[in-house]
């Protein structure tokens, strides 16, 4: 069964550590997304980590610090 093409949205719930759909999604304060596939939602925390590292490095360069 494929996620693509269904028009459904997927979320990563940081409270339950699972993928949720618009049919059973927790309140917004507990979820990341929406994503177009369950696989993308499962990778949400990794994407957050990668983006935070990038932004921290950019901030350090902006402040004149080397990382």
Protein backbone atom coordinates (compact mmCIF):
# COMPACT_ATOMS: atom_id res chain seq x y z
CA UNK A 1 0.00 0.00 0.00
CA UNK A 2 1.43 3.37 -1.00
CA UNK A 3 1.11 6.69 0.82
CA UNK A 4 1.50 8.81 -2.30
CA UNK A 5 -1.44 10.19 -4.21
CA UNK A 6 -3.95 9.73 -1.43
CA UNK A 7 -4.06 13.42 -0.50
CA UNK A 8 -3.69 12.46 3.16
CA UNK A 9 -1.42 14.39 5.46
CA UNK A 10 0.92 12.76 7.94
CA UNK A 11 2.38 14.08 11.18
CA UNK A 12 5.04 12.96 13.64
CA UNK A 13 3.70 13.00 17.18
CA UNK A 14 6.42 13.88 19.69
CA UNK A 15 4.14 12.76 22.51
CA UNK A 16 3.46 9.23 21.24
CA UNK A 17 6.55 8.82 19.00
CA UNK A 18 4.54 7.68 16.01
CA UNK A 19 3.15 8.77 12.67
CA UNK A 20 -0.39 10.09 12.79
CA UNK A 21 -2.81 11.03 10.04
CA UNK A 22 -5.29 13.88 9.81
CA UNK A 23 -7.91 11.36 10.95
CA UNK A 24 -6.23 10.75 14.34
CA UNK A 25 -3.77 13.60 14.87
CA UNK A 26 -2.93 14.92 18.34
CA UNK A 27 -3.17 18.64 19.14
CA UNK A 28 -0.78 20.85 17.14
CA UNK A 29 1.58 21.40 20.07
CA UNK A 30 2.52 17.70 19.94
CA UNK A 31 3.06 17.20 16.22
CA UNK A 32 5.51 18.07 13.46
CA UNK A 33 4.21 18.37 9.95
CA UNK A 34 2.22 18.04 7.83
CA UNK A 35 4.15 15.72 5.54
CA UNK A 36 2.99 14.14 2.30
CA UNK A 37 4.02 10.61 3.30
CA UNK A 38 4.34 8.49 6.41
CA UNK A 39 8.01 7.92 5.56
CA UNK A 40 8.67 11.68 5.57
CA UNK A 41 6.87 12.03 8.90
CA UNK A 42 9.01 9.24 10.38
CA UNK A 43 12.12 11.26 9.49
CA UNK A 44 10.85 14.48 11.10
CA UNK A 45 13.13 14.46 14.14
CA UNK A 46 16.19 13.74 12.01
CA UNK A 47 15.32 16.71 9.78
CA UNK A 48 14.89 18.92 12.84
CA UNK A 49 18.31 17.84 14.14
CA UNK A 50 19.99 18.49 10.78
CA UNK A 51 18.38 21.91 10.41
CA UNK A 52 19.30 22.92 13.96
CA UNK A 53 22.94 21.96 13.35
CA UNK A 54 22.97 24.01 10.14
CA UNK A 55 21.39 27.03 11.79
CA UNK A 56 23.74 26.84 14.80
CA UNK A 57 26.75 26.74 12.48
CA UNK A 58 25.40 29.73 10.53
CA UNK A 59 24.81 31.63 13.76
CA UNK A 60 28.36 30.89 14.91
CA UNK A 61 29.80 32.11 11.58
CA UNK A 62 27.64 35.24 11.78
CA UNK A 63 28.97 35.93 15.31
CA UNK A 64 32.56 35.38 14.12
CA UNK A 65 33.01 32.06 15.88
CA UNK A 66 34.36 29.00 14.13
CA UNK A 67 32.66 25.66 14.62
